[in-house]
Amino acid sequence: MTTINSTARPSRALHLTLWILQALLAAAFLMTGLMKLAMPLTQVAQSLPWVNDVPAALVRFIGLAEFAGALGLILPSAFRIRPNLTPLAALGLVAVLVLAAVFHISRGEAMMVPVNLLLAALAGVVAWGRTSKAPIQAR
C-alpha cells in the first residue's frame, strides 16, 4: 500500500506548465482588455462586431475585468505577495469566458464559443493548479 505524502513538492514541470499558461492567458487578456479599455469603440467594433450592440460602459467594464484578470494571473505569484489571488483571478476569467460563450450563443455566433470554452478551461487549469497542486507560497 502506498501512502500519499501531503508535504511532497509539486514537480518543476507542473510549475513551469502553469507559469506558461499564466503568461499566455495574461498576454491574451492584456491585449483584449487594453483594446476594449483604450481604443475608440468604433475601432474596436471593426474587430468585434458585438460592440455596436451593447452599451459602451459594458465594453469598457469587460475590458477592465480582462485587464485586471491578466494582472492577477501574474503579479501576485511573481512577487509572492498574496499569491492566493492568482487562482481567484483565473476563476474570474473563467466567469467572464463562460458569460461570453452564453452571450455568443444568444447572438447565434456559435463559432466563437469553442475559443471561449478553451480559454476558460485553460484558466480553470491555472485556478486548480495554483490552488491545490502547485500553489505558490507567500513571502
C-alpha atoms as a PDB file:
ATOM      1  CA  MET A   1       0.000   0.000   0.000  1.00  0.00           C
ATOM      2  CA  THR A   2       1.302   3.448  -0.919  1.00  0.00           C
ATOM      3  CA  THR A   3       0.844   6.464   1.253  1.00  0.00           C
ATOM      4  CA  ILE A   4       0.460   9.934  -0.080  1.00  0.00           C
ATOM      5  CA  ASN A   5       2.831  12.480   1.353  1.00  0.00           C
ATOM      6  CA  SER A   6       0.876  15.731   1.649  1.00  0.00           C
ATOM      7  CA  THR A   7       4.104  17.705   2.002  1.00  0.00           C
ATOM      8  CA  ALA A   8       5.536  16.479  -1.309  1.00  0.00           C
ATOM      9  CA  ARG A   9       6.695  19.276  -3.561  1.00  0.00           C
ATOM     10  CA  PRO A  10       4.977  19.610  -6.921  1.00  0.00           C
ATOM     11  CA  SER A  11       7.089  18.831  -9.936  1.00  0.00           C
ATOM     12  CA  ARG A  12       9.055  21.521 -11.709  1.00  0.00           C
ATOM     13  CA  ALA A  13       7.242  20.549 -14.908  1.00  0.00           C
ATOM     14  CA  LEU A  14       3.877  21.356 -13.346  1.00  0.00           C
ATOM     15  CA  HIS A  15       5.120  24.724 -12.068  1.00  0.00           C
ATOM     16  CA  LEU A  16       6.584  25.532 -15.487  1.00  0.00           C
ATOM     17  CA  THR A  17       3.415  24.458 -17.280  1.00  0.00           C
ATOM     18  CA  LEU A  18       1.279  26.623 -15.007  1.00  0.00           C
ATOM     19  CA  TRP A  19       3.597  29.609 -15.479  1.00  0.00           C
ATOM     20  CA  ILE A  20       3.411  29.179 -19.259  1.00  0.00           C
ATOM     21  CA  LEU A  21      -0.390  29.018 -19.128  1.00  0.00           C
ATOM     22  CA  GLN A  22      -0.486  32.053 -16.840  1.00  0.00           C
ATOM     23  CA  ALA A  23       1.778  34.027 -19.190  1.00  0.00           C
ATOM     24  CA  LEU A  24      -0.143  33.096 -22.341  1.00  0.00           C
ATOM     25  CA  LEU A  25      -3.518  33.845 -20.788  1.00  0.00           C
ATOM     26  CA  ALA A  26      -2.223  37.100 -19.312  1.00  0.00           C
ATOM     27  CA  ALA A  27      -0.847  38.209 -22.683  1.00  0.00           C
ATOM     28  CA  ALA A  28      -4.136  37.445 -24.418  1.00  0.00           C
ATOM     29  CA  PHE A  29      -6.242  39.212 -21.812  1.00  0.00           C
ATOM     30  CA  LEU A  30      -3.896  42.197 -21.542  1.00  0.00           C
ATOM     31  CA  MET A  31      -4.242  42.750 -25.282  1.00  0.00           C
ATOM     32  CA  THR A  32      -8.003  42.313 -25.456  1.00  0.00           C
ATOM     33  CA  GLY A  33      -8.597  44.180 -22.202  1.00  0.00           C
ATOM     34  CA  LEU A  34      -6.494  47.161 -23.245  1.00  0.00           C
ATOM     35  CA  MET A  35      -8.172  47.187 -26.648  1.00  0.00           C
ATOM     36  CA  LYS A  36     -11.620  47.420 -25.025  1.00  0.00           C
ATOM     37  CA  LEU A  37     -10.432  49.981 -22.479  1.00  0.00           C
ATOM     38  CA  ALA A  38      -8.309  52.346 -24.533  1.00  0.00           C
ATOM     39  CA  MET A  39      -9.298  52.218 -28.188  1.00  0.00           C
ATOM     40  CA  PRO A  40     -12.233  54.150 -29.617  1.00  0.00           C
ATOM     41  CA  LEU A  41     -15.226  51.826 -29.704  1.00  0.00           C
ATOM     42  CA  THR A  42     -15.747  52.410 -33.420  1.00  0.00           C
ATOM     43  CA  GLN A  43     -12.298  50.964 -33.974  1.00  0.00           C
ATOM     44  CA  VAL A  44     -12.924  48.058 -31.559  1.00  0.00           C
ATOM     45  CA  ALA A  45     -16.160  47.282 -33.412  1.00  0.00           C
ATOM     46  CA  GLN A  46     -14.184  46.611 -36.590  1.00  0.00           C
ATOM     47  CA  SER A  47     -12.694  43.543 -34.880  1.00  0.00           C
ATOM     48  CA  LEU A  48     -15.585  42.749 -32.537  1.00  0.00           C
ATOM     49  CA  PRO A  49     -18.951  43.476 -34.209  1.00  0.00           C
ATOM     50  CA  TRP A  50     -20.925  42.822 -30.996  1.00  0.00           C
ATOM     51  CA  VAL A  51     -19.501  46.046 -29.537  1.00  0.00           C
ATOM     52  CA  ASN A  52     -22.069  48.050 -31.544  1.00  0.00           C
ATOM     53  CA  ASP A  53     -24.927  46.143 -29.912  1.00  0.00           C
ATOM     54  CA  VAL A  54     -24.115  46.674 -26.229  1.00  0.00           C
ATOM     55  CA  PRO A  55     -23.684  49.781 -24.062  1.00  0.00           C
ATOM     56  CA  ALA A  56     -20.241  51.385 -24.211  1.00  0.00           C
ATOM     57  CA  ALA A  57     -19.923  51.098 -20.431  1.00  0.00           C
ATOM     58  CA  LEU A  58     -20.305  47.314 -20.686  1.00  0.00           C
ATOM     59  CA  VAL A  59     -17.499  47.071 -23.249  1.00  0.00           C
ATOM     60  CA  ARG A  60     -15.238  49.158 -21.018  1.00  0.00           C
ATOM     61  CA  PHE A  61     -16.195  47.086 -17.953  1.00  0.00           C
ATOM     62  CA  ILE A  62     -15.369  43.841 -19.778  1.00  0.00           C
ATOM     63  CA  GLY A  63     -12.044  45.371 -20.803  1.00  0.00           C
ATOM     64  CA  LEU A  64     -11.329  46.334 -17.206  1.00  0.00           C
ATOM     65  CA  ALA A  65     -12.221  42.825 -15.978  1.00  0.00           C
ATOM     66  CA  GLU A  66      -9.930  41.250 -18.580  1.00  0.00           C
ATOM     67  CA  PHE A  67      -7.092  43.653 -17.801  1.00  0.00           C
ATOM     68  CA  ALA A  68      -7.398  43.104 -14.035  1.00  0.00           C
ATOM     69  CA  GLY A  69      -7.608  39.345 -14.547  1.00  0.00           C
ATOM     70  CA  ALA A  70      -4.443  39.386 -16.648  1.00  0.00           C
ATOM     71  CA  LEU A  71      -2.546  41.297 -13.983  1.00  0.00           C
ATOM     72  CA  GLY A  72      -3.933  38.969 -11.320  1.00  0.00           C
ATOM     73  CA  LEU A  73      -2.640  35.921 -13.167  1.00  0.00           C
ATOM     74  CA  ILE A  74       0.949  37.162 -12.972  1.00  0.00           C
ATOM     75  CA  LEU A  75       1.687  39.803 -10.346  1.00  0.00           C
ATOM     76  CA  PRO A  76       0.630  38.128  -7.073  1.00  0.00           C
ATOM     77  CA  SER A  77       2.518  34.944  -7.908  1.00  0.00           C
ATOM     78  CA  ALA A  78       5.536  36.649  -9.439  1.00  0.00           C
ATOM     79  CA  PHE A  79       6.082  38.867  -6.406  1.00  0.00           C
ATOM     80  CA  ARG A  80       4.796  36.236  -3.962  1.00  0.00           C
ATOM     81  CA  ILE A  81       2.605  38.856  -2.331  1.00  0.00           C
ATOM     82  CA  ARG A  82      -0.871  37.390  -1.795  1.00  0.00           C
ATOM     83  CA  PRO A  83      -0.308  34.630  -4.386  1.00  0.00           C
ATOM     84  CA  ASN A  84      -3.691  33.206  -3.395  1.00  0.00           C
ATOM     85  CA  LEU A  85      -5.142  35.960  -5.608  1.00  0.00           C
ATOM     86  CA  THR A  86      -3.826  34.226  -8.747  1.00  0.00           C
ATOM     87  CA  PRO A  87      -6.353  31.359  -8.703  1.00  0.00           C
ATOM     88  CA  LEU A  88      -9.096  33.881  -7.912  1.00  0.00           C
ATOM     89  CA  ALA A  89      -8.091  35.920 -10.960  1.00  0.00           C
ATOM     90  CA  ALA A  90      -8.178  32.743 -13.039  1.00  0.00           C
ATOM     91  CA  LEU A  91     -11.671  31.927 -11.735  1.00  0.00           C
ATOM     92  CA  GLY A  92     -12.789  35.463 -12.544  1.00  0.00           C
ATOM     93  CA  LEU A  93     -11.612  34.969 -16.118  1.00  0.00           C
ATOM     94  CA  VAL A  94     -13.456  31.635 -16.257  1.00  0.00           C
ATOM     95  CA  ALA A  95     -16.631  33.517 -15.310  1.00  0.00           C
ATOM     96  CA  VAL A  96     -16.008  36.178 -17.980  1.00  0.00           C
ATOM     97  CA  LEU A  97     -15.424  33.495 -20.614  1.00  0.00           C
ATOM     98  CA  VAL A  98     -18.470  31.410 -19.704  1.00  0.00           C
ATOM     99  CA  LEU A  99     -20.621  34.537 -19.852  1.00  0.00           C
ATOM    100  CA  ALA A 100     -19.031  35.400 -23.207  1.00  0.00           C
ATOM    101  CA  ALA A 101     -19.921  31.931 -24.520  1.00  0.00           C
ATOM    102  CA  VAL A 102     -23.542  32.345 -23.396  1.00  0.00           C
ATOM    103  CA  PHE A 103     -23.632  35.807 -24.997  1.00  0.00           C
ATOM    104  CA  HIS A 104     -22.265  34.482 -28.301  1.00  0.00           C
ATOM    105  CA  ILE A 105     -24.745  31.595 -28.308  1.00  0.00           C
ATOM    106  CA  SER A 106     -27.599  34.063 -27.752  1.00  0.00           C
ATOM    107  CA  ARG A 107     -26.413  36.028 -30.781  1.00  0.00           C
ATOM    108  CA  GLY A 108     -26.097  32.954 -32.997  1.00  0.00           C
ATOM    109  CA  GLU A 109     -22.304  33.223 -33.017  1.00  0.00           C
ATOM    110  CA  ALA A 110     -21.610  29.596 -32.146  1.00  0.00           C
ATOM    111  CA  MET A 111     -18.246  29.710 -33.943  1.00  0.00           C
ATOM    112  CA  MET A 112     -16.900  31.897 -31.112  1.00  0.00           C
ATOM    113  CA  VAL A 113     -17.884  29.504 -28.327  1.00  0.00           C
ATOM    114  CA  PRO A 114     -15.043  26.943 -28.713  1.00  0.00           C
ATOM    115  CA  VAL A 115     -12.435  29.681 -28.249  1.00  0.00           C
ATOM    116  CA  ASN A 116     -14.234  30.943 -25.127  1.00  0.00           C
ATOM    117  CA  LEU A 117     -14.501  27.453 -23.685  1.00  0.00           C
ATOM    118  CA  LEU A 118     -10.871  26.589 -24.475  1.00  0.00           C
ATOM    119  CA  LEU A 119      -9.628  29.739 -22.741  1.00  0.00           C
ATOM    120  CA  ALA A 120     -12.000  29.071 -19.823  1.00  0.00           C
ATOM    121  CA  ALA A 121     -10.623  25.540 -19.497  1.00  0.00           C
ATOM    122  CA  LEU A 122      -7.036  26.822 -19.505  1.00  0.00           C
ATOM    123  CA  ALA A 123      -7.874  29.419 -16.863  1.00  0.00           C
ATOM    124  CA  GLY A 124      -9.602  26.669 -14.884  1.00  0.00           C
ATOM    125  CA  VAL A 125      -6.424  24.583 -15.012  1.00  0.00           C
ATOM    126  CA  VAL A 126      -4.470  27.549 -13.636  1.00  0.00           C
ATOM    127  CA  ALA A 127      -7.010  28.002 -10.824  1.00  0.00           C
ATOM    128  CA  TRP A 128      -6.907  24.286  -9.974  1.00  0.00           C
ATOM    129  CA  GLY A 129      -3.130  24.029 -10.218  1.00  0.00           C
ATOM    130  CA  ARG A 130      -2.362  27.130  -8.189  1.00  0.00           C
ATOM    131  CA  THR A 131      -4.965  26.211  -5.566  1.00  0.00           C
ATOM    132  CA  SER A 132      -4.218  22.568  -4.921  1.00  0.00           C
ATOM    133  CA  LYS A 133      -1.414  21.027  -6.956  1.00  0.00           C
ATOM    134  CA  ALA A 134       1.283  23.710  -7.167  1.00  0.00           C
ATOM    135  CA  PRO A 135       0.405  26.697  -5.002  1.00  0.00           C
ATOM    136  CA  ILE A 136       2.934  29.471  -4.691  1.00  0.00           C
ATOM    137  CA  GLN A 137       3.857  30.348  -1.134  1.00  0.00           C
ATOM    138  CA  ALA A 138       3.743  33.937   0.056  1.00  0.00           C
ATOM    139  CA  ARG A 139       6.931  35.551   1.314  1.00  0.00           C
END
